[in-house]
Each structure stands twice: as structure tokens, then as C-alpha cells.
Amino acid sequence: MAALSPGPSAARRDALTTRIRLLVAATIAYNVVEAAVAITAGTVASSAALIGFGLDSVVEVSSAAAVAWQFSARDHAAREARERTTLRIIAVSFFALAVYVTADAARALAGTGEAERSIPGIALAAVSLAVMPFLSAAQRGAGRELGSASAVADSKQTLLCTYLSAVLLVGLILNATLGWSWADPAAALVIAAVAVKEGRDAWKGKGCCAAPPAPVLGSGEASGCCTGRDRPCPGCS
């Protein structure tokens, strides 16, 4: 049987927990501003993609708040007990986003509304494209080392924002420079498709950790998480 790492020490777990709390707080603060700017600019420009992006920011806030609630527990066992509920909240948030954005994009493609160009939207997408990868990578690394599928799932929310920023930026630039109004709802549909995929992964508990907390006697599995491959953690599927 291959030797397994005992996982992080109690002191290291506390340090990782503190790091995740700070990253979650930073994510919430940024996304509150992002949501306000995107929804306002999207409403002014009748942009389904911008409104969808703003609503994704709202979803990210709810996701990060759920993780903050989980990690507000001081006891490690209590945090683990909240894992399933946190993942469910993240998943439902993704699905709700996908439904709304799809409906709004379909309305725009049907010709009931044509997006105007939005310079504030382009600027916001560019800033988010620069900021979000760093927040996502930092939280994902801490979550994997700690063995928290919910922290990793929330980091995927933040990473999703990076992808969506790129899609949004392309759609807004095409609309602003070439007058391709269809590019805006098309970008929104991409946002919806990615949201469904990430929602399914969160519901199944995917996004596992790298360091198992403790081995189970007589097996190669860890008691609290997976061992090296991206599979659902036990109890999260």
C-alpha cells in the first residue's frame, strides 16, 4: 500500500482557514462592486451579457458567503459537517444564474431588445480579467491543501468569473466596434452553459483536495477526501 500524507497539522489548518476567510472577504467585496457596476451598465445598454455577468457576481457573493459561513465555525469537525450544505448552495446559485441568463439571451436574440455599446462594461470586464485569476488560484490552493471541496468549488466560481470576463469583453468589443448586436446574447449563452457545468460539479462535490487528512486502515483511501485525483469527496456526492 502506498504511503499517504497525514495531511496538514492543526496549526497549518488554522493558518489555511484564516487565509480562506480573508480571500472570501476580498472576493465578496470585489463582487459587490462588480455586480453593481455590471447590472447598472447592462440596464443602461440593454445588454443581456452585462446583466448576466452582474448576476454571476451576485451568485459569487452568495457562494462566498456560504463558504464564509462554513469557515466561521472554529472547530474543524463543525466546518466539515457544513460542507455538503455549502456545496448545495453553490450549485443552486449556478443553476439559477443559468436559467435567468438563458431566458434573457433568448429574448435578445428574438429581437425584443438590442444591446448598445457599453464603455463602462468593457472597462469592468478588463479589470475583472486581471484581478480574478489571482483570487481564484490563491483560494483553490488553500482549499486543496486543507481538504475542503467547498472552498475549491468557490474558487471555481471565481475562476468562472475570469472566463466570463473574457467572453464578455469579446462580446462587448464586437458589438461596440462592428455593430454585431448578436454577439452580446451569444456571450450570455456561453455564460449560462458554463454555469450549468459548474453547478453540476458543485452538486456532485467535485473539486477535491490534494492532501488527505488521514488514511483509512486497510485501504488506499483517505477518510475525509480523495487521494490525488479530482473525484467527489466521500459524503459530498
Protein backbone atom coordinates (compact mmCIF):
# COMPACT_ATOMS: atom_id res chain seq x y z
CA MET A 1 0.00 0.00 0.00
CA ALA A 2 1.37 3.40 -0.96
CA ALA A 3 2.24 5.73 1.87
CA LEU A 4 -0.22 8.56 2.43
CA SER A 5 0.47 12.05 3.69
CA PRO A 6 -1.05 12.66 7.13
CA GLY A 7 -2.37 15.99 5.90
CA PRO A 8 -1.81 19.43 7.37
CA SER A 9 -1.15 19.86 11.08
CA ALA A 10 -3.65 21.61 13.34
CA ALA A 11 -1.60 24.82 13.21
CA ARG A 12 -1.40 24.65 9.43
CA ARG A 13 -5.18 24.04 9.18
CA ASP A 14 -5.78 27.14 11.29
CA ALA A 15 -3.49 29.20 9.04
CA LEU A 16 -5.20 27.91 5.89
CA THR A 17 -8.63 28.58 7.40
CA THR A 18 -7.64 32.18 8.15
CA ARG A 19 -6.30 32.58 4.61
CA ILE A 20 -9.55 31.29 3.11
CA ARG A 21 -11.59 33.65 5.30
CA LEU A 22 -9.54 36.64 4.07
CA LEU A 23 -9.77 35.56 0.43
CA VAL A 24 -13.52 35.04 0.74
CA ALA A 25 -13.91 38.51 2.27
CA ALA A 26 -11.90 40.05 -0.60
CA THR A 27 -13.98 38.12 -3.16
CA ILE A 28 -17.24 39.31 -1.61
CA ALA A 29 -16.11 42.95 -1.52
CA TYR A 30 -14.95 42.92 -5.14
CA ASN A 31 -18.03 41.15 -6.43
CA VAL A 32 -20.43 43.53 -4.68
CA VAL A 33 -18.83 46.41 -6.60
CA GLU A 34 -18.66 44.34 -9.80
CA ALA A 35 -22.34 43.40 -9.58
CA ALA A 36 -23.46 46.99 -9.03
CA VAL A 37 -21.43 48.32 -11.96
CA ALA A 38 -22.33 45.47 -14.35
CA ILE A 39 -26.07 45.45 -13.66
CA THR A 40 -26.29 49.24 -13.86
CA ALA A 41 -24.28 49.41 -17.09
CA GLY A 42 -26.17 46.43 -18.51
CA THR A 43 -29.54 48.00 -17.79
CA VAL A 44 -28.49 51.27 -19.43
CA ALA A 45 -27.16 49.46 -22.52
CA SER A 46 -29.87 46.73 -22.62
CA SER A 47 -27.02 44.20 -22.52
CA ALA A 48 -28.02 40.63 -21.62
CA ALA A 49 -24.35 39.68 -21.28
CA LEU A 50 -23.55 42.53 -18.89
CA ILE A 51 -26.63 41.87 -16.76
CA GLY A 52 -25.79 38.16 -16.74
CA PHE A 53 -22.24 38.97 -15.69
CA GLY A 54 -23.56 41.16 -12.89
CA LEU A 55 -25.88 38.41 -11.72
CA ASP A 56 -22.95 35.98 -11.80
CA SER A 57 -21.25 38.38 -9.40
CA VAL A 58 -24.30 38.15 -7.14
CA VAL A 59 -24.04 34.35 -7.32
CA GLU A 60 -20.36 34.58 -6.42
CA VAL A 61 -21.27 36.69 -3.39
CA SER A 62 -23.81 34.09 -2.23
CA SER A 63 -21.28 31.31 -2.86
CA ALA A 64 -18.53 33.12 -0.97
CA ALA A 65 -20.96 33.93 1.84
CA ALA A 66 -21.81 30.22 2.13
CA VAL A 67 -18.12 29.37 2.39
CA ALA A 68 -17.66 32.17 4.93
CA TRP A 69 -20.49 30.63 6.99
CA GLN A 70 -18.83 27.22 6.79
CA PHE A 71 -15.44 28.54 7.88
CA SER A 72 -16.91 30.73 10.61
CA ALA A 73 -17.07 27.57 12.72
CA ARG A 74 -13.95 27.41 14.87
CA ASP A 75 -13.98 23.64 15.17
CA HIS A 76 -12.60 21.66 12.20
CA ALA A 77 -15.25 18.93 12.58
CA ALA A 78 -18.04 21.52 12.52
CA ARG A 79 -16.65 23.01 9.32
CA GLU A 80 -16.59 19.59 7.68
CA ALA A 81 -20.20 18.99 8.78
CA ARG A 82 -21.26 22.15 6.90
CA GLU A 83 -19.52 21.07 3.68
CA ARG A 84 -22.50 19.41 1.96
CA THR A 85 -24.88 22.31 2.64
CA THR A 86 -22.33 24.80 1.34
CA LEU A 87 -21.83 22.84 -1.88
CA ARG A 88 -25.61 22.65 -2.41
CA ILE A 89 -25.94 26.43 -2.02
CA ILE A 90 -23.16 26.99 -4.57
CA ALA A 91 -24.77 24.55 -7.05
CA VAL A 92 -28.28 26.05 -6.78
CA SER A 93 -26.83 29.53 -7.27
CA PHE A 94 -25.19 28.42 -10.51
CA PHE A 95 -28.41 26.85 -11.81
CA ALA A 96 -30.47 29.94 -11.01
CA LEU A 97 -27.96 32.09 -12.88
CA ALA A 98 -28.10 29.80 -15.94
CA VAL A 99 -31.90 29.90 -16.11
CA TYR A 100 -32.11 33.69 -15.93
CA VAL A 101 -29.29 34.38 -18.38
CA THR A 102 -30.64 31.87 -20.94
CA ALA A 103 -34.10 33.43 -20.84
CA ASP A 104 -32.70 36.96 -21.18
CA ALA A 105 -30.38 35.98 -24.03
CA ALA A 106 -33.23 34.22 -25.88
CA ARG A 107 -35.31 37.37 -25.54
CA ALA A 108 -32.49 39.46 -27.00
CA LEU A 109 -31.89 37.04 -29.89
CA ALA A 110 -35.62 37.09 -30.67
CA GLY A 111 -35.26 40.78 -31.44
CA THR A 112 -37.14 42.21 -28.45
CA GLY A 113 -34.10 44.15 -27.36
CA GLU A 114 -30.80 45.19 -28.97
CA ALA A 115 -27.74 45.88 -26.86
CA GLU A 116 -25.97 49.21 -27.21
CA ARG A 117 -22.23 49.60 -26.79
CA SER A 118 -21.01 49.98 -23.20
CA ILE A 119 -17.61 51.52 -22.46
CA PRO A 120 -18.06 51.04 -18.66
CA GLY A 121 -18.85 47.38 -19.34
CA ILE A 122 -15.70 46.93 -21.42
CA ALA A 123 -13.58 48.55 -18.68
CA LEU A 124 -15.17 46.37 -15.98
CA ALA A 125 -14.58 43.17 -17.97
CA ALA A 126 -10.92 44.10 -18.49
CA VAL A 127 -10.35 44.80 -14.78
CA SER A 128 -12.04 41.56 -13.74
CA LEU A 129 -9.96 39.62 -16.26
CA ALA A 130 -6.85 40.93 -14.50
CA VAL A 131 -7.99 40.52 -10.86
CA MET A 132 -9.95 37.27 -10.67
CA PRO A 133 -7.24 34.72 -11.62
CA PHE A 134 -5.17 35.68 -8.58
CA LEU A 135 -8.06 35.37 -6.10
CA SER A 136 -9.11 32.04 -7.61
CA ALA A 137 -5.64 30.48 -7.59
CA ALA A 138 -4.95 31.52 -4.00
CA GLN A 139 -8.23 30.11 -2.67
CA ARG A 140 -8.00 26.93 -4.73
CA GLY A 141 -4.51 26.21 -3.42
CA ALA A 142 -5.54 26.75 0.20
CA GLY A 143 -8.75 24.74 -0.23
CA ARG A 144 -6.97 21.75 -1.75
CA GLU A 145 -4.31 21.69 0.94
CA LEU A 146 -6.94 21.99 3.65
CA GLY A 147 -9.11 19.28 2.06
CA SER A 148 -12.22 21.46 1.54
CA ALA A 149 -14.29 20.70 -1.57
CA SER A 150 -16.49 23.75 -0.88
CA ALA A 151 -13.51 26.13 -0.81
CA VAL A 152 -12.28 24.65 -4.10
CA ALA A 153 -15.80 24.88 -5.59
CA ASP A 154 -16.00 28.53 -4.56
CA SER A 155 -12.60 29.16 -6.16
CA LYS A 156 -14.09 27.73 -9.36
CA GLN A 157 -16.82 30.36 -9.09
CA THR A 158 -14.09 32.97 -9.08
CA LEU A 159 -12.26 31.25 -11.94
CA LEU A 160 -15.55 31.17 -13.86
CA CYS A 161 -15.65 34.94 -13.49
CA THR A 162 -12.28 35.08 -15.26
CA TYR A 163 -13.61 33.09 -18.22
CA LEU A 164 -16.80 35.09 -18.28
CA SER A 165 -14.83 38.34 -18.21
CA ALA A 166 -13.00 37.23 -21.36
CA VAL A 167 -16.23 36.17 -23.08
CA LEU A 168 -17.96 39.38 -22.02
CA LEU A 169 -15.05 41.52 -23.18
CA VAL A 170 -15.04 39.93 -26.64
CA GLY A 171 -18.83 40.26 -26.98
CA LEU A 172 -18.88 43.90 -25.89
CA ILE A 173 -15.96 44.86 -28.15
CA LEU A 174 -17.55 43.15 -31.18
CA ASN A 175 -20.81 44.96 -30.50
CA ALA A 176 -19.08 48.32 -29.95
CA THR A 177 -16.70 48.18 -32.93
CA LEU A 178 -18.51 46.11 -35.55
CA GLY A 179 -22.12 46.59 -34.51
CA TRP A 180 -22.64 42.84 -34.01
CA SER A 181 -25.52 43.07 -31.57
CA TRP A 182 -25.95 39.27 -31.62
CA ALA A 183 -22.50 38.89 -30.02
CA ASP A 184 -23.89 40.16 -26.72
CA PRO A 185 -26.62 37.50 -26.18
CA ALA A 186 -24.27 34.87 -27.66
CA ALA A 187 -21.76 35.71 -24.94
CA ALA A 188 -24.57 35.46 -22.39
CA LEU A 189 -25.41 31.93 -23.56
CA VAL A 190 -21.78 30.91 -23.09
CA ILE A 191 -22.03 32.26 -19.54
CA ALA A 192 -25.15 30.16 -18.96
CA ALA A 193 -23.58 26.96 -20.34
CA VAL A 194 -20.50 27.26 -18.16
CA ALA A 195 -22.70 27.99 -15.13
CA VAL A 196 -24.66 24.74 -15.66
CA LYS A 197 -21.44 22.73 -15.87
CA GLU A 198 -20.01 24.25 -12.71
CA GLY A 199 -23.34 23.84 -10.91
CA ARG A 200 -23.36 20.12 -11.69
CA ASP A 201 -19.79 19.75 -10.42
CA ALA A 202 -20.59 21.55 -7.19
CA TRP A 203 -23.74 19.45 -6.63
CA LYS A 204 -21.68 16.27 -7.04
CA GLY A 205 -18.99 17.59 -4.71
CA LYS A 206 -16.26 17.74 -7.33
CA GLY A 207 -13.16 19.85 -6.97
CA CYS A 208 -11.36 17.69 -4.46
CA CYS A 209 -8.32 18.34 -2.39
CA ALA A 210 -4.77 17.22 -2.76
CA ALA A 211 -3.82 16.38 0.80
CA PRO A 212 -5.91 13.75 2.61
CA PRO A 213 -6.37 14.38 6.33
CA ALA A 214 -5.92 10.78 7.43
CA PRO A 215 -5.77 7.28 5.93
CA VAL A 216 -8.37 4.60 6.45
CA LEU A 217 -6.81 1.42 7.79
CA GLY A 218 -6.55 -1.31 5.21
CA SER A 219 -7.31 0.86 2.21
CA GLY A 220 -5.68 3.42 -0.04
CA GLU A 221 -8.42 5.98 0.51
CA ALA A 222 -8.41 8.96 2.81
CA SER A 223 -11.11 9.29 5.41
CA GLY A 224 -12.13 12.81 4.52
CA CYS A 225 -11.17 13.42 0.93
CA CYS A 226 -9.84 11.94 -2.26
CA THR A 227 -6.28 10.92 -2.86
CA GLY A 228 -4.78 12.78 -5.74
CA ARG A 229 -7.48 12.58 -8.41
CA ASP A 230 -10.29 15.06 -8.96
CA ARG A 231 -13.18 13.00 -7.61
CA PRO A 232 -16.06 13.78 -5.28
CA CYS A 233 -15.12 13.67 -1.65
CA PRO A 234 -16.94 10.96 0.34
CA GLY A 235 -20.18 12.33 1.71
CA CYS A 236 -20.40 15.05 -0.93
CA SER A 237 -21.75 13.03 -3.84
